[in-house]
Amino acid sequence: HVSVSPEGTAAKGGYATVDFKVPNERDNASTTKLEVAFP
């Protein structure tokens, strides 16, 4: 499933680089769009 993880650490109060990992779960279609809503 779609997941998110930091590159290194995501410390409170600081800045971080995070990766949203998106796997393609279909055999007959490609993923063409991703929308991520922020809290």
All heavy atoms as atom14 arrays in JSON, in Angstrom:
{
  "sequence": "HVSVSPEGTAAKGGYATVDFKVPNERDNASTTKLEVAFP",
  "atom14_mask": [
    [1, 1, 1, 1, 1, 1, 1, 1, 1, 1, 0, 0, 0, 0],
    [1, 1, 1, 1, 1, 1, 1, 0, 0, 0, 0, 0, 0, 0],
    [1, 1, 1, 1, 1, 1, 0, 0, 0, 0, 0, 0, 0, 0],
    [1, 1, 1, 1, 1, 1, 1, 0, 0, 0, 0, 0, 0, 0],
    [1, 1, 1, 1, 1, 1, 0, 0, 0, 0, 0, 0, 0, 0],
    [1, 1, 1, 1, 1, 1, 1, 0, 0, 0, 0, 0, 0, 0],
    [1, 1, 1, 1, 1, 1, 1, 1, 1, 0, 0, 0, 0, 0],
    [1, 1, 1, 1, 0, 0, 0, 0, 0, 0, 0, 0, 0, 0],
    [1, 1, 1, 1, 1, 1, 1, 0, 0, 0, 0, 0, 0, 0],
    [1, 1, 1, 1, 1, 0, 0, 0, 0, 0, 0, 0, 0, 0],
    [1, 1, 1, 1, 1, 0, 0, 0, 0, 0, 0, 0, 0, 0],
    [1, 1, 1, 1, 1, 1, 1, 1, 1, 0, 0, 0, 0, 0],
    [1, 1, 1, 1, 0, 0, 0, 0, 0, 0, 0, 0, 0, 0],
    [1, 1, 1, 1, 0, 0, 0, 0, 0, 0, 0, 0, 0, 0],
    [1, 1, 1, 1, 1, 1, 1, 1, 1, 1, 1, 1, 0, 0],
    [1, 1, 1, 1, 1, 0, 0, 0, 0, 0, 0, 0, 0, 0],
    [1, 1, 1, 1, 1, 1, 1, 0, 0, 0, 0, 0, 0, 0],
    [1, 1, 1, 1, 1, 1, 1, 0, 0, 0, 0, 0, 0, 0],
    [1, 1, 1, 1, 1, 1, 1, 1, 0, 0, 0, 0, 0, 0],
    [1, 1, 1, 1, 1, 1, 1, 1, 1, 1, 1, 0, 0, 0],
    [1, 1, 1, 1, 1, 1, 1, 1, 1, 0, 0, 0, 0, 0],
    [1, 1, 1, 1, 1, 1, 1, 0, 0, 0, 0, 0, 0, 0],
    [1, 1, 1, 1, 1, 1, 1, 0, 0, 0, 0, 0, 0, 0],
    [1, 1, 1, 1, 1, 1, 1, 1, 0, 0, 0, 0, 0, 0],
    [1, 1, 1, 1, 1, 1, 1, 1, 1, 0, 0, 0, 0, 0],
    [1, 1, 1, 1, 1, 1, 1, 1, 1, 1, 1, 0, 0, 0],
    [1, 1, 1, 1, 1, 1, 1, 1, 0, 0, 0, 0, 0, 0],
    [1, 1, 1, 1, 1, 1, 1, 1, 0, 0, 0, 0, 0, 0],
    [1, 1, 1, 1, 1, 0, 0, 0, 0, 0, 0, 0, 0, 0],
    [1, 1, 1, 1, 1, 1, 0, 0, 0, 0, 0, 0, 0, 0],
    [1, 1, 1, 1, 1, 1, 1, 0, 0, 0, 0, 0, 0, 0],
    [1, 1, 1, 1, 1, 1, 1, 0, 0, 0, 0, 0, 0, 0],
    [1, 1, 1, 1, 1, 1, 1, 1, 1, 0, 0, 0, 0, 0],
    [1, 1, 1, 1, 1, 1, 1, 1, 0, 0, 0, 0, 0, 0],
    [1, 1, 1, 1, 1, 1, 1, 1, 1, 0, 0, 0, 0, 0],
    [1, 1, 1, 1, 1, 1, 1, 0, 0, 0, 0, 0, 0, 0],
    [1, 1, 1, 1, 1, 0, 0, 0, 0, 0, 0, 0, 0, 0],
    [1, 1, 1, 1, 1, 1, 1, 1, 1, 1, 1, 0, 0, 0],
    [1, 1, 1, 1, 1, 1, 1, 0, 0, 0, 0, 0, 0, 0]
  ],
  "atom14_positions": [
    [[0.84, -1.2, 0.0], [0.0, 0.0, 0.0], [0.87, 1.24, 0.0], [2.09, 1.18, 0.18], [-0.94, 0.01, 1.21], [-0.24, -0.25, 2.52], [0.59, 0.66, 3.12], [-0.24, -1.35, 3.32], [1.06, 0.16, 4.25], [0.59, -1.06, 4.39], [0.0, 0.0, 0.0], [0.0, 0.0, 0.0], [0.0, 0.0, 0.0], [0.0, 0.0, 0.0]],
    [[0.26, 2.38, -0.23], [0.98, 3.65, -0.21], [1.46, 3.92, 1.22], [0.69, 3.83, 2.18], [0.08, 4.8, -0.69], [0.82, 6.13, -0.57], [-0.35, 4.56, -2.14], [0.0, 0.0, 0.0], [0.0, 0.0, 0.0], [0.0, 0.0, 0.0], [0.0, 0.0, 0.0], [0.0, 0.0, 0.0], [0.0, 0.0, 0.0], [0.0, 0.0, 0.0]],
    [[2.74, 4.23, 1.34], [3.33, 4.47, 2.67], [4.23, 5.69, 2.63], [4.57, 6.19, 1.55], [4.14, 3.24, 3.13], [5.18, 2.96, 2.21], [0.0, 0.0, 0.0], [0.0, 0.0, 0.0], [0.0, 0.0, 0.0], [0.0, 0.0, 0.0], [0.0, 0.0, 0.0], [0.0, 0.0, 0.0], [0.0, 0.0, 0.0], [0.0, 0.0, 0.0]],
    [[4.6, 6.18, 3.81], [5.51, 7.32, 3.91], [6.57, 7.02, 4.96], [6.28, 6.45, 6.02], [4.73, 8.62, 4.26], [4.02, 8.5, 5.61], [5.68, 9.82, 4.26], [0.0, 0.0, 0.0], [0.0, 0.0, 0.0], [0.0, 0.0, 0.0], [0.0, 0.0, 0.0], [0.0, 0.0, 0.0], [0.0, 0.0, 0.0], [0.0, 0.0, 0.0]],
    [[7.8, 7.4, 4.66], [8.91, 7.2, 5.6], [9.94, 8.3, 5.41], [10.09, 8.84, 4.3], [9.55, 5.82, 5.39], [10.05, 5.71, 4.07], [0.0, 0.0, 0.0], [0.0, 0.0, 0.0], [0.0, 0.0, 0.0], [0.0, 0.0, 0.0], [0.0, 0.0, 0.0], [0.0, 0.0, 0.0], [0.0, 0.0, 0.0], [0.0, 0.0, 0.0]],
    [[10.66, 8.65, 6.48], [11.66, 9.71, 6.37], [12.98, 9.2, 5.81], [13.32, 8.02, 5.95], [11.83, 10.18, 7.82], [11.57, 8.94, 8.63], [10.52, 8.17, 7.86], [0.0, 0.0, 0.0], [0.0, 0.0, 0.0], [0.0, 0.0, 0.0], [0.0, 0.0, 0.0], [0.0, 0.0, 0.0], [0.0, 0.0, 0.0], [0.0, 0.0, 0.0]],
    [[13.71, 10.08, 5.17], [15.08, 9.78, 4.78], [15.96, 10.19, 5.96], [16.3, 11.35, 6.12], [15.48, 10.54, 3.52], [14.71, 10.11, 2.27], [15.18, 10.84, 1.03], [16.17, 11.6, 1.13], [14.56, 10.67, -0.04], [0.0, 0.0, 0.0], [0.0, 0.0, 0.0], [0.0, 0.0, 0.0], [0.0, 0.0, 0.0], [0.0, 0.0, 0.0]],
    [[16.29, 9.23, 6.81], [16.99, 9.54, 8.06], [15.98, 9.6, 9.19], [15.34, 8.6, 9.5], [0.0, 0.0, 0.0], [0.0, 0.0, 0.0], [0.0, 0.0, 0.0], [0.0, 0.0, 0.0], [0.0, 0.0, 0.0], [0.0, 0.0, 0.0], [0.0, 0.0, 0.0], [0.0, 0.0, 0.0], [0.0, 0.0, 0.0], [0.0, 0.0, 0.0]],
    [[15.81, 10.77, 9.77], [14.86, 10.92, 10.88], [13.92, 12.09, 10.6], [14.24, 13.0, 9.84], [15.58, 11.18, 12.21], [16.38, 12.38, 12.1], [16.48, 10.0, 12.58], [0.0, 0.0, 0.0], [0.0, 0.0, 0.0], [0.0, 0.0, 0.0], [0.0, 0.0, 0.0], [0.0, 0.0, 0.0], [0.0, 0.0, 0.0], [0.0, 0.0, 0.0]],
    [[12.76, 12.03, 11.23], [11.79, 13.13, 11.18], [11.59, 13.58, 12.61], [10.7, 13.09, 13.33], [10.49, 12.67, 10.54], [0.0, 0.0, 0.0], [0.0, 0.0, 0.0], [0.0, 0.0, 0.0], [0.0, 0.0, 0.0], [0.0, 0.0, 0.0], [0.0, 0.0, 0.0], [0.0, 0.0, 0.0], [0.0, 0.0, 0.0], [0.0, 0.0, 0.0]],
    [[12.42, 14.51, 13.07], [12.41, 14.95, 14.47], [11.36, 16.04, 14.68], [11.15, 16.91, 13.83], [13.79, 15.45, 14.88], [0.0, 0.0, 0.0], [0.0, 0.0, 0.0], [0.0, 0.0, 0.0], [0.0, 0.0, 0.0], [0.0, 0.0, 0.0], [0.0, 0.0, 0.0], [0.0, 0.0, 0.0], [0.0, 0.0, 0.0], [0.0, 0.0, 0.0]],
    [[10.73, 15.97, 15.83], [9.72, 16.97, 16.18], [10.34, 18.38, 16.17], [11.45, 18.58, 16.69], [9.16, 16.68, 17.57], [8.44, 15.34, 17.68], [7.95, 15.09, 19.1], [7.26, 13.74, 19.23], [6.79, 13.49, 20.62], [0.0, 0.0, 0.0], [0.0, 0.0, 0.0], [0.0, 0.0, 0.0], [0.0, 0.0, 0.0], [0.0, 0.0, 0.0]],
    [[9.63, 19.32, 15.58], [10.1, 20.69, 15.54], [11.1, 20.99, 14.44], [11.5, 22.14, 14.26], [0.0, 0.0, 0.0], [0.0, 0.0, 0.0], [0.0, 0.0, 0.0], [0.0, 0.0, 0.0], [0.0, 0.0, 0.0], [0.0, 0.0, 0.0], [0.0, 0.0, 0.0], [0.0, 0.0, 0.0], [0.0, 0.0, 0.0], [0.0, 0.0, 0.0]],
    [[11.52, 19.96, 13.71], [12.53, 20.16, 12.69], [11.99, 19.97, 11.28], [10.79, 19.9, 11.04], [0.0, 0.0, 0.0], [0.0, 0.0, 0.0], [0.0, 0.0, 0.0], [0.0, 0.0, 0.0], [0.0, 0.0, 0.0], [0.0, 0.0, 0.0], [0.0, 0.0, 0.0], [0.0, 0.0, 0.0], [0.0, 0.0, 0.0], [0.0, 0.0, 0.0]],
    [[12.92, 19.91, 10.34], [12.59, 19.69, 8.94], [13.08, 18.3, 8.54], [14.04, 17.77, 9.12], [13.25, 20.75, 8.06], [12.64, 22.12, 8.2], [12.92, 22.92, 9.31], [11.78, 22.64, 7.23], [12.36, 24.19, 9.45], [11.21, 23.9, 7.36], [11.51, 24.67, 8.47], [10.95, 25.92, 8.62], [0.0, 0.0, 0.0], [0.0, 0.0, 0.0]],
    [[12.45, 17.72, 7.55], [12.83, 16.38, 7.12], [12.49, 16.19, 5.66], [11.65, 16.9, 5.09], [12.12, 15.32, 7.97], [0.0, 0.0, 0.0], [0.0, 0.0, 0.0], [0.0, 0.0, 0.0], [0.0, 0.0, 0.0], [0.0, 0.0, 0.0], [0.0, 0.0, 0.0], [0.0, 0.0, 0.0], [0.0, 0.0, 0.0], [0.0, 0.0, 0.0]],
    [[13.16, 15.22, 5.06], [12.81, 14.78, 3.71], [12.09, 13.44, 3.85], [12.62, 12.51, 4.46], [14.05, 14.61, 2.83], [14.71, 15.87, 2.69], [13.66, 14.1, 1.44], [0.0, 0.0, 0.0], [0.0, 0.0, 0.0], [0.0, 0.0, 0.0], [0.0, 0.0, 0.0], [0.0, 0.0, 0.0], [0.0, 0.0, 0.0], [0.0, 0.0, 0.0]],
    [[10.88, 13.37, 3.32], [10.09, 12.15, 3.44], [9.76, 11.62, 2.05], [9.66, 12.39, 1.08], [8.79, 12.4, 4.23], [9.11, 12.87, 5.64], [7.9, 13.41, 3.53], [0.0, 0.0, 0.0], [0.0, 0.0, 0.0], [0.0, 0.0, 0.0], [0.0, 0.0, 0.0], [0.0, 0.0, 0.0], [0.0, 0.0, 0.0], [0.0, 0.0, 0.0]],
    [[9.61, 10.3, 1.95], [9.29, 9.65, 0.68], [7.93, 8.97, 0.77], [7.69, 8.17, 1.67], [10.35, 8.6, 0.34], [11.71, 9.2, 0.07], [11.76, 10.33, -0.43], [12.73, 8.54, 0.39], [0.0, 0.0, 0.0], [0.0, 0.0, 0.0], [0.0, 0.0, 0.0], [0.0, 0.0, 0.0], [0.0, 0.0, 0.0], [0.0, 0.0, 0.0]],
    [[7.07, 9.29, -0.17], [5.82, 8.55, -0.32], [6.08, 7.44, -1.33], [6.39, 7.7, -2.5], [4.69, 9.47, -0.8], [4.17, 10.37, 0.28], [4.73, 11.62, 0.5], [3.12, 9.97, 1.11], [4.27, 12.45, 1.5], [2.65, 10.79, 2.12], [3.23, 12.03, 2.32], [0.0, 0.0, 0.0], [0.0, 0.0, 0.0], [0.0, 0.0, 0.0]],
    [[5.98, 6.2, -0.87], [6.26, 5.04, -1.71], [4.95, 4.5, -2.26], [4.04, 4.14, -1.51], [6.99, 3.96, -0.91], [7.37, 2.74, -1.71], [8.1, 1.73, -0.84], [8.45, 0.48, -1.62], [9.15, -0.51, -0.75], [0.0, 0.0, 0.0], [0.0, 0.0, 0.0], [0.0, 0.0, 0.0], [0.0, 0.0, 0.0], [0.0, 0.0, 0.0]],
    [[4.86, 4.43, -3.59], [3.61, 4.03, -4.25], [3.87, 2.8, -5.13], [4.52, 2.91, -6.17], [3.04, 5.18, -5.1], [1.72, 4.76, -5.74], [2.86, 6.43, -4.26], [0.0, 0.0, 0.0], [0.0, 0.0, 0.0], [0.0, 0.0, 0.0], [0.0, 0.0, 0.0], [0.0, 0.0, 0.0], [0.0, 0.0, 0.0], [0.0, 0.0, 0.0]],
    [[3.36, 1.63, -4.73], [3.49, 0.45, -5.59], [2.32, 0.37, -6.57], [1.23, 0.86, -6.3], [3.42, -0.7, -4.58], [2.55, -0.17, -3.49], [2.78, 1.32, -3.43], [0.0, 0.0, 0.0], [0.0, 0.0, 0.0], [0.0, 0.0, 0.0], [0.0, 0.0, 0.0], [0.0, 0.0, 0.0], [0.0, 0.0, 0.0], [0.0, 0.0, 0.0]],
    [[2.56, -0.22, -7.72], [1.48, -0.46, -8.68], [0.91, -1.85, -8.4], [1.62, -2.84, -8.49], [1.99, -0.37, -10.11], [0.85, -0.36, -11.12], [0.3, 0.7, -11.42], [0.48, -1.51, -11.62], [0.0, 0.0, 0.0], [0.0, 0.0, 0.0], [0.0, 0.0, 0.0], [0.0, 0.0, 0.0], [0.0, 0.0, 0.0], [0.0, 0.0, 0.0]],
    [[-0.36, -1.91, -8.08], [-0.98, -3.17, -7.67], [-1.82, -3.82, -8.77], [-2.49, -4.82, -8.53], [-1.86, -2.94, -6.44], [-1.11, -2.48, -5.22], [-2.03, -2.37, -4.01], [-3.02, -1.62, -4.1], [-1.77, -3.05, -3.02], [0.0, 0.0, 0.0], [0.0, 0.0, 0.0], [0.0, 0.0, 0.0], [0.0, 0.0, 0.0], [0.0, 0.0, 0.0]],
    [[-1.78, -3.26, -9.95], [-2.6, -3.81, -11.03], [-1.72, -4.39, -12.13], [-0.64, -3.88, -12.41], [-3.5, -2.72, -11.62], [-4.44, -2.09, -10.6], [-5.46, -3.09, -10.08], [-6.35, -2.5, -9.09], [-6.17, -2.59, -7.78], [-5.13, -3.25, -7.29], [-7.03, -2.04, -6.95], [0.0, 0.0, 0.0], [0.0, 0.0, 0.0], [0.0, 0.0, 0.0]],
    [[-2.22, -5.46, -12.75], [-1.47, -6.11, -13.83], [-1.79, -5.53, -15.2], [-1.04, -5.75, -16.16], [-1.79, -7.62, -13.86], [-1.34, -8.33, -12.59], [-0.34, -7.88, -11.99], [-1.99, -9.31, -12.2], [0.0, 0.0, 0.0], [0.0, 0.0, 0.0], [0.0, 0.0, 0.0], [0.0, 0.0, 0.0], [0.0, 0.0, 0.0], [0.0, 0.0, 0.0]],
    [[-2.88, -4.79, -15.3], [-3.32, -4.3, -16.6], [-3.46, -2.78, -16.67], [-4.1, -2.25, -17.58], [-4.67, -4.94, -16.97], [-5.75, -4.66, -15.93], [-5.45, -4.11, -14.86], [-6.99, -5.03, -16.22], [0.0, 0.0, 0.0], [0.0, 0.0, 0.0], [0.0, 0.0, 0.0], [0.0, 0.0, 0.0], [0.0, 0.0, 0.0], [0.0, 0.0, 0.0]],
    [[-2.87, -2.07, -15.69], [-2.98, -0.61, -15.68], [-1.77, -0.01, -14.96], [-1.14, -0.65, -14.11], [-4.27, -0.16, -15.02], [0.0, 0.0, 0.0], [0.0, 0.0, 0.0], [0.0, 0.0, 0.0], [0.0, 0.0, 0.0], [0.0, 0.0, 0.0], [0.0, 0.0, 0.0], [0.0, 0.0, 0.0], [0.0, 0.0, 0.0], [0.0, 0.0, 0.0]],
    [[-1.47, 1.24, -15.29], [-0.37, 1.96, -14.65], [-0.93, 3.03, -13.71], [-2.04, 3.53, -13.92], [0.53, 2.63, -15.7], [1.12, 1.68, -16.55], [0.0, 0.0, 0.0], [0.0, 0.0, 0.0], [0.0, 0.0, 0.0], [0.0, 0.0, 0.0], [0.0, 0.0, 0.0], [0.0, 0.0, 0.0], [0.0, 0.0, 0.0], [0.0, 0.0, 0.0]],
    [[-0.16, 3.38, -12.69], [-0.55, 4.49, -11.81], [-0.15, 5.79, -12.48], [1.03, 5.99, -12.82], [0.14, 4.37, -10.45], [-0.3, 3.17, -9.79], [-0.19, 5.57, -9.56], [0.0, 0.0, 0.0], [0.0, 0.0, 0.0], [0.0, 0.0, 0.0], [0.0, 0.0, 0.0], [0.0, 0.0, 0.0], [0.0, 0.0, 0.0], [0.0, 0.0, 0.0]],
    [[-1.1, 6.65, -12.68], [-0.83, 7.9, -13.41], [-1.02, 9.16, -12.56], [-0.71, 10.26, -13.01], [-1.77, 8.0, -14.63], [-3.14, 7.91, -14.19], [-1.48, 6.87, -15.63], [0.0, 0.0, 0.0], [0.0, 0.0, 0.0], [0.0, 0.0, 0.0], [0.0, 0.0, 0.0], [0.0, 0.0, 0.0], [0.0, 0.0, 0.0], [0.0, 0.0, 0.0]],
    [[-1.52, 8.99, -11.32], [-1.74, 10.17, -10.49], [-1.72, 9.79, -9.02], [-2.21, 8.72, -8.63], [-3.08, 10.81, -10.84], [-3.37, 12.14, -10.18], [-4.7, 12.69, -10.68], [-5.03, 14.03, -10.08], [-6.35, 14.56, -10.57], [0.0, 0.0, 0.0], [0.0, 0.0, 0.0], [0.0, 0.0, 0.0], [0.0, 0.0, 0.0], [0.0, 0.0, 0.0]],
    [[-1.15, 10.67, -8.21], [-1.14, 10.5, -6.76], [-1.47, 11.83, -6.1], [-0.84, 12.85, -6.4], [0.22, 10.02, -6.27], [0.38, 9.93, -4.74], [-0.48, 8.81, -4.18], [1.83, 9.73, -4.33], [0.0, 0.0, 0.0], [0.0, 0.0, 0.0], [0.0, 0.0, 0.0], [0.0, 0.0, 0.0], [0.0, 0.0, 0.0], [0.0, 0.0, 0.0]],
    [[-2.46, 11.81, -5.23], [-2.83, 13.0, -4.46], [-2.63, 12.7, -2.98], [-3.14, 11.7, -2.47], [-4.29, 13.37, -4.7], [-4.63, 13.68, -6.15], [-6.12, 13.84, -6.37], [-6.67, 14.89, -5.99], [-6.73, 12.89, -6.92], [0.0, 0.0, 0.0], [0.0, 0.0, 0.0], [0.0, 0.0, 0.0], [0.0, 0.0, 0.0], [0.0, 0.0, 0.0]],
    [[-1.9, 13.55, -2.3], [-1.65, 13.38, -0.87], [-2.2, 14.58, -0.12], [-1.77, 15.72, -0.34], [-0.14, 13.22, -0.57], [0.09, 13.15, 0.94], [0.4, 11.97, -1.26], [0.0, 0.0, 0.0], [0.0, 0.0, 0.0], [0.0, 0.0, 0.0], [0.0, 0.0, 0.0], [0.0, 0.0, 0.0], [0.0, 0.0, 0.0], [0.0, 0.0, 0.0]],
    [[-3.18, 14.34, 0.75], [-3.77, 15.39, 1.57], [-2.99, 15.51, 2.88], [-2.68, 14.5, 3.52], [-5.24, 15.09, 1.85], [0.0, 0.0, 0.0], [0.0, 0.0, 0.0], [0.0, 0.0, 0.0], [0.0, 0.0, 0.0], [0.0, 0.0, 0.0], [0.0, 0.0, 0.0], [0.0, 0.0, 0.0], [0.0, 0.0, 0.0], [0.0, 0.0, 0.0]],
    [[-2.71, 16.74, 3.28], [-1.92, 16.98, 4.49], [-2.82, 17.19, 5.7], [-3.95, 17.7, 5.57], [-1.01, 18.19, 4.27], [0.22, 17.86, 3.49], [0.12, 17.47, 2.16], [1.48, 17.89, 4.07], [1.24, 17.13, 1.43], [2.61, 17.57, 3.35], [2.49, 17.18, 2.03], [0.0, 0.0, 0.0], [0.0, 0.0, 0.0], [0.0, 0.0, 0.0]],
    [[-2.33, 16.82, 6.89], [-3.15, 16.94, 8.1], [-3.5, 18.4, 8.4], [-2.65, 19.28, 8.31], [-2.27, 16.33, 9.19], [-0.87, 16.4, 8.66], [-0.98, 16.26, 7.19], [0.0, 0.0, 0.0], [0.0, 0.0, 0.0], [0.0, 0.0, 0.0], [0.0, 0.0, 0.0], [0.0, 0.0, 0.0], [0.0, 0.0, 0.0], [0.0, 0.0, 0.0]]
  ]
}
